[in-house]
Amino acid sequence: MENVNVTIRMDKNLKKQADEVFHELGMSFTTAVTLFTKQCVRDRKIPFEICLEPNQVTIDALNELQAMLTDKEKYKRYNSFAEAMEDIEKCSK
């Protein structure tokens, strides 16, 4: 399969942030774009919803965040991800 070069313009900071996320996922920017493109071709659509208004799940999450910020005593806080995972493991036993 012959490859072609594709050039796109993107905000420098956005590219840096995307590279960091893709690196954490163990892939390059090129691999991520290729995955996105393959899914578009396979499904014949953009693989996520594009809309002007947040959906109900997003609205609920924002409302929950606001409640957490407003009433901090009501919600448990963790100092690290590891601490949160320890608590989850205790609950699952």
N, C-alpha and C. Protein backbone atom coordinates (compact mmCIF):
# COMPACT_ATOMS: atom_id res chain seq x y z
N MET A 1 0.85 -1.17 0.00
CA MET A 1 0.00 0.00 0.00
C MET A 1 0.89 1.23 0.00
N GLU A 2 0.68 2.09 -0.96
CA GLU A 2 1.50 3.30 -1.09
C GLU A 2 0.98 4.39 -0.15
N ASN A 3 1.89 5.04 0.55
CA ASN A 3 1.54 6.14 1.44
C ASN A 3 1.69 7.48 0.73
N VAL A 4 0.93 8.45 1.21
CA VAL A 4 1.04 9.82 0.71
C VAL A 4 1.25 10.74 1.91
N ASN A 5 1.89 11.86 1.69
CA ASN A 5 2.05 12.87 2.73
C ASN A 5 0.84 13.78 2.72
N VAL A 6 0.35 14.13 3.90
CA VAL A 6 -0.79 15.04 4.05
C VAL A 6 -0.33 16.18 4.95
N THR A 7 -0.59 17.41 4.54
CA THR A 7 -0.20 18.57 5.32
C THR A 7 -1.45 19.27 5.83
N ILE A 8 -1.49 19.54 7.14
CA ILE A 8 -2.61 20.27 7.72
C ILE A 8 -2.07 21.42 8.55
N ARG A 9 -2.86 22.45 8.73
CA ARG A 9 -2.50 23.56 9.59
C ARG A 9 -3.29 23.42 10.89
N MET A 10 -2.60 23.64 12.01
CA MET A 10 -3.23 23.47 13.31
C MET A 10 -2.53 24.39 14.30
N ASP A 11 -3.28 24.85 15.28
CA ASP A 11 -2.71 25.65 16.36
C ASP A 11 -1.57 24.86 17.02
N LYS A 12 -0.44 25.53 17.24
CA LYS A 12 0.74 24.88 17.79
C LYS A 12 0.47 24.23 19.14
N ASN A 13 -0.25 24.93 20.02
CA ASN A 13 -0.54 24.40 21.35
C ASN A 13 -1.49 23.19 21.27
N LEU A 14 -2.46 23.24 20.38
CA LEU A 14 -3.37 22.11 20.20
C LEU A 14 -2.60 20.88 19.74
N LYS A 15 -1.68 21.06 18.79
CA LYS A 15 -0.86 19.94 18.29
C LYS A 15 -0.03 19.35 19.43
N LYS A 16 0.57 20.21 20.26
CA LYS A 16 1.39 19.75 21.38
C LYS A 16 0.54 18.94 22.36
N GLN A 17 -0.65 19.45 22.68
CA GLN A 17 -1.54 18.74 23.60
C GLN A 17 -1.97 17.40 23.01
N ALA A 18 -2.29 17.39 21.73
CA ALA A 18 -2.70 16.14 21.07
C ALA A 18 -1.55 15.14 21.07
N ASP A 19 -0.34 15.60 20.77
CA ASP A 19 0.84 14.72 20.80
C ASP A 19 1.01 14.07 22.17
N GLU A 20 0.79 14.85 23.23
CA GLU A 20 0.93 14.32 24.59
C GLU A 20 -0.10 13.22 24.86
N VAL A 21 -1.35 13.46 24.46
CA VAL A 21 -2.40 12.46 24.65
C VAL A 21 -2.09 11.20 23.84
N PHE A 22 -1.74 11.38 22.58
CA PHE A 22 -1.45 10.22 21.73
C PHE A 22 -0.25 9.44 22.24
N HIS A 23 0.76 10.16 22.75
CA HIS A 23 1.93 9.49 23.31
C HIS A 23 1.51 8.62 24.50
N GLU A 24 0.64 9.15 25.37
CA GLU A 24 0.15 8.38 26.51
C GLU A 24 -0.60 7.14 26.05
N LEU A 25 -1.25 7.24 24.91
CA LEU A 25 -1.98 6.10 24.35
C LEU A 25 -1.08 5.16 23.56
N GLY A 26 0.20 5.53 23.45
CA GLY A 26 1.16 4.67 22.76
C GLY A 26 1.11 4.78 21.25
N MET A 27 0.72 5.95 20.75
CA MET A 27 0.65 6.10 19.30
C MET A 27 1.15 7.48 18.88
N SER A 28 1.45 7.60 17.61
CA SER A 28 1.88 8.87 17.05
C SER A 28 0.68 9.67 16.57
N PHE A 29 0.94 10.93 16.27
CA PHE A 29 -0.12 11.77 15.70
C PHE A 29 -0.62 11.15 14.39
N THR A 30 0.31 10.67 13.57
CA THR A 30 -0.05 10.05 12.29
C THR A 30 -0.95 8.84 12.50
N THR A 31 -0.62 8.01 13.47
CA THR A 31 -1.45 6.83 13.76
C THR A 31 -2.84 7.24 14.20
N ALA A 32 -2.93 8.26 15.06
CA ALA A 32 -4.23 8.72 15.54
C ALA A 32 -5.08 9.26 14.38
N VAL A 33 -4.49 10.03 13.50
CA VAL A 33 -5.23 10.57 12.35
C VAL A 33 -5.65 9.44 11.42
N THR A 34 -4.77 8.46 11.26
CA THR A 34 -5.11 7.31 10.41
C THR A 34 -6.28 6.52 11.00
N LEU A 35 -6.26 6.30 12.32
CA LEU A 35 -7.38 5.61 12.98
C LEU A 35 -8.70 6.37 12.78
N PHE A 36 -8.63 7.69 13.00
CA PHE A 36 -9.82 8.52 12.80
C PHE A 36 -10.34 8.38 11.37
N THR A 37 -9.44 8.49 10.40
CA THR A 37 -9.83 8.43 9.00
C THR A 37 -10.40 7.07 8.63
N LYS A 38 -9.77 5.99 9.11
CA LYS A 38 -10.28 4.65 8.83
C LYS A 38 -11.70 4.46 9.38
N GLN A 39 -11.94 4.98 10.58
CA GLN A 39 -13.28 4.84 11.16
C GLN A 39 -14.29 5.66 10.36
N CYS A 40 -13.90 6.85 9.90
CA CYS A 40 -14.79 7.66 9.06
C CYS A 40 -15.17 6.91 7.79
N VAL A 41 -14.17 6.31 7.16
CA VAL A 41 -14.41 5.57 5.91
C VAL A 41 -15.28 4.35 6.19
N ARG A 42 -14.95 3.59 7.25
CA ARG A 42 -15.70 2.38 7.56
C ARG A 42 -17.16 2.67 7.87
N ASP A 43 -17.40 3.70 8.71
CA ASP A 43 -18.76 4.00 9.15
C ASP A 43 -19.48 5.03 8.28
N ARG A 44 -18.72 5.66 7.39
CA ARG A 44 -19.25 6.69 6.48
C ARG A 44 -19.85 7.86 7.27
N LYS A 45 -19.17 8.23 8.38
CA LYS A 45 -19.59 9.37 9.18
C LYS A 45 -18.44 9.79 10.09
N ILE A 46 -18.56 10.96 10.67
CA ILE A 46 -17.62 11.40 11.69
C ILE A 46 -17.88 10.54 12.93
N PRO A 47 -16.84 9.99 13.57
CA PRO A 47 -17.07 9.03 14.66
C PRO A 47 -17.43 9.64 16.01
N PHE A 48 -17.97 10.83 16.00
CA PHE A 48 -18.46 11.46 17.23
C PHE A 48 -19.49 12.50 16.84
N GLU A 49 -20.32 12.86 17.80
CA GLU A 49 -21.38 13.82 17.55
C GLU A 49 -20.82 15.24 17.49
N ILE A 50 -21.24 15.99 16.52
CA ILE A 50 -20.87 17.40 16.41
C ILE A 50 -22.16 18.20 16.55
N CYS A 51 -22.20 19.04 17.59
CA CYS A 51 -23.41 19.81 17.82
C CYS A 51 -23.07 21.16 18.44
N LEU A 52 -24.01 22.05 18.41
CA LEU A 52 -23.81 23.39 18.95
C LEU A 52 -24.16 23.47 20.43
N GLU A 53 -24.97 22.58 20.90
CA GLU A 53 -25.43 22.58 22.28
C GLU A 53 -24.93 21.34 22.99
N PRO A 54 -24.60 21.43 24.28
CA PRO A 54 -24.19 20.23 25.01
C PRO A 54 -25.37 19.26 25.15
N ASN A 55 -25.05 17.96 25.13
CA ASN A 55 -26.11 16.97 25.31
C ASN A 55 -26.43 16.82 26.80
N GLN A 56 -27.42 16.02 27.12
CA GLN A 56 -27.87 15.90 28.50
C GLN A 56 -26.80 15.31 29.41
N VAL A 57 -26.01 14.39 28.90
CA VAL A 57 -24.94 13.80 29.71
C VAL A 57 -23.94 14.88 30.12
N THR A 58 -23.58 15.75 29.17
CA THR A 58 -22.65 16.84 29.47
C THR A 58 -23.25 17.83 30.45
N ILE A 59 -24.51 18.17 30.25
CA ILE A 59 -25.20 19.10 31.16
C ILE A 59 -25.23 18.51 32.57
N ASP A 60 -25.56 17.22 32.69
CA ASP A 60 -25.59 16.56 34.00
C ASP A 60 -24.21 16.56 34.65
N ALA A 61 -23.17 16.30 33.85
CA ALA A 61 -21.81 16.29 34.39
C ALA A 61 -21.40 17.68 34.88
N LEU A 62 -21.75 18.70 34.12
CA LEU A 62 -21.43 20.08 34.53
C LEU A 62 -22.19 20.46 35.80
N ASN A 63 -23.45 20.03 35.90
CA ASN A 63 -24.23 20.30 37.12
C ASN A 63 -23.63 19.57 38.32
N GLU A 64 -23.17 18.33 38.10
CA GLU A 64 -22.54 17.58 39.19
C GLU A 64 -21.23 18.24 39.62
N LEU A 65 -20.45 18.70 38.67
CA LEU A 65 -19.21 19.42 38.99
C LEU A 65 -19.51 20.67 39.80
N GLN A 66 -20.51 21.41 39.39
CA GLN A 66 -20.88 22.63 40.12
C GLN A 66 -21.30 22.29 41.55
N ALA A 67 -22.04 21.21 41.72
CA ALA A 67 -22.44 20.79 43.07
C ALA A 67 -21.21 20.41 43.89
N MET A 68 -20.26 19.73 43.28
CA MET A 68 -19.04 19.34 43.99
C MET A 68 -18.24 20.56 44.42
N LEU A 69 -18.19 21.55 43.56
CA LEU A 69 -17.43 22.76 43.88
C LEU A 69 -18.15 23.62 44.93
N THR A 70 -19.47 23.58 44.92
CA THR A 70 -20.27 24.38 45.84
C THR A 70 -20.31 23.76 47.24
N ASP A 71 -20.49 22.44 47.32
CA ASP A 71 -20.64 21.75 48.60
C ASP A 71 -19.52 20.73 48.76
N LYS A 72 -18.31 21.23 48.97
CA LYS A 72 -17.12 20.37 49.01
C LYS A 72 -17.17 19.33 50.13
N GLU A 73 -17.83 19.63 51.21
CA GLU A 73 -17.90 18.70 52.35
C GLU A 73 -18.71 17.45 52.02
N LYS A 74 -19.59 17.55 51.07
CA LYS A 74 -20.48 16.44 50.72
C LYS A 74 -19.77 15.38 49.87
N TYR A 75 -18.66 15.76 49.23
CA TYR A 75 -17.99 14.87 48.29
C TYR A 75 -16.59 14.51 48.77
N LYS A 76 -16.25 13.23 48.70
CA LYS A 76 -14.94 12.77 49.14
C LYS A 76 -13.89 13.22 48.13
N ARG A 77 -12.73 13.63 48.65
CA ARG A 77 -11.62 14.06 47.81
C ARG A 77 -10.42 13.14 48.02
N TYR A 78 -9.62 13.02 46.98
CA TYR A 78 -8.42 12.18 47.04
C TYR A 78 -7.20 13.03 46.71
N ASN A 79 -6.07 12.63 47.28
CA ASN A 79 -4.82 13.34 47.01
C ASN A 79 -4.09 12.80 45.79
N SER A 80 -4.51 11.62 45.35
CA SER A 80 -3.87 11.02 44.18
C SER A 80 -4.82 10.02 43.54
N PHE A 81 -4.51 9.65 42.33
CA PHE A 81 -5.28 8.64 41.63
C PHE A 81 -5.14 7.30 42.35
N ALA A 82 -3.92 7.02 42.82
CA ALA A 82 -3.67 5.76 43.53
C ALA A 82 -4.56 5.66 44.77
N GLU A 83 -4.70 6.76 45.49
CA GLU A 83 -5.55 6.77 46.68
C GLU A 83 -7.01 6.47 46.32
N ALA A 84 -7.47 7.04 45.22
CA ALA A 84 -8.84 6.79 44.76
C ALA A 84 -9.01 5.32 44.38
N MET A 85 -8.01 4.76 43.71
CA MET A 85 -8.08 3.36 43.31
C MET A 85 -8.10 2.43 44.53
N GLU A 86 -7.34 2.77 45.57
CA GLU A 86 -7.36 1.97 46.79
C GLU A 86 -8.76 1.95 47.39
N ASP A 87 -9.42 3.10 47.38
CA ASP A 87 -10.77 3.20 47.93
C ASP A 87 -11.75 2.36 47.09
N ILE A 88 -11.60 2.41 45.79
CA ILE A 88 -12.46 1.62 44.90
C ILE A 88 -12.26 0.14 45.15
N GLU A 89 -11.01 -0.27 45.31
CA GLU A 89 -10.71 -1.69 45.56
C GLU A 89 -11.31 -2.15 46.88
N LYS A 90 -11.29 -1.29 47.90
CA LYS A 90 -11.90 -1.64 49.20
C LYS A 90 -13.40 -1.87 49.04
N CYS A 91 -14.03 -1.04 48.24
CA CYS A 91 -15.48 -1.14 48.05
C CYS A 91 -15.87 -2.38 47.25
N SER A 92 -14.98 -2.85 46.40
CA SER A 92 -15.33 -3.98 45.54
C SER A 92 -15.10 -5.32 46.23
N LYS A 93 -14.54 -5.30 47.44
CA LYS A 93 -14.28 -6.58 48.16
C LYS A 93 -15.46 -6.98 48.99
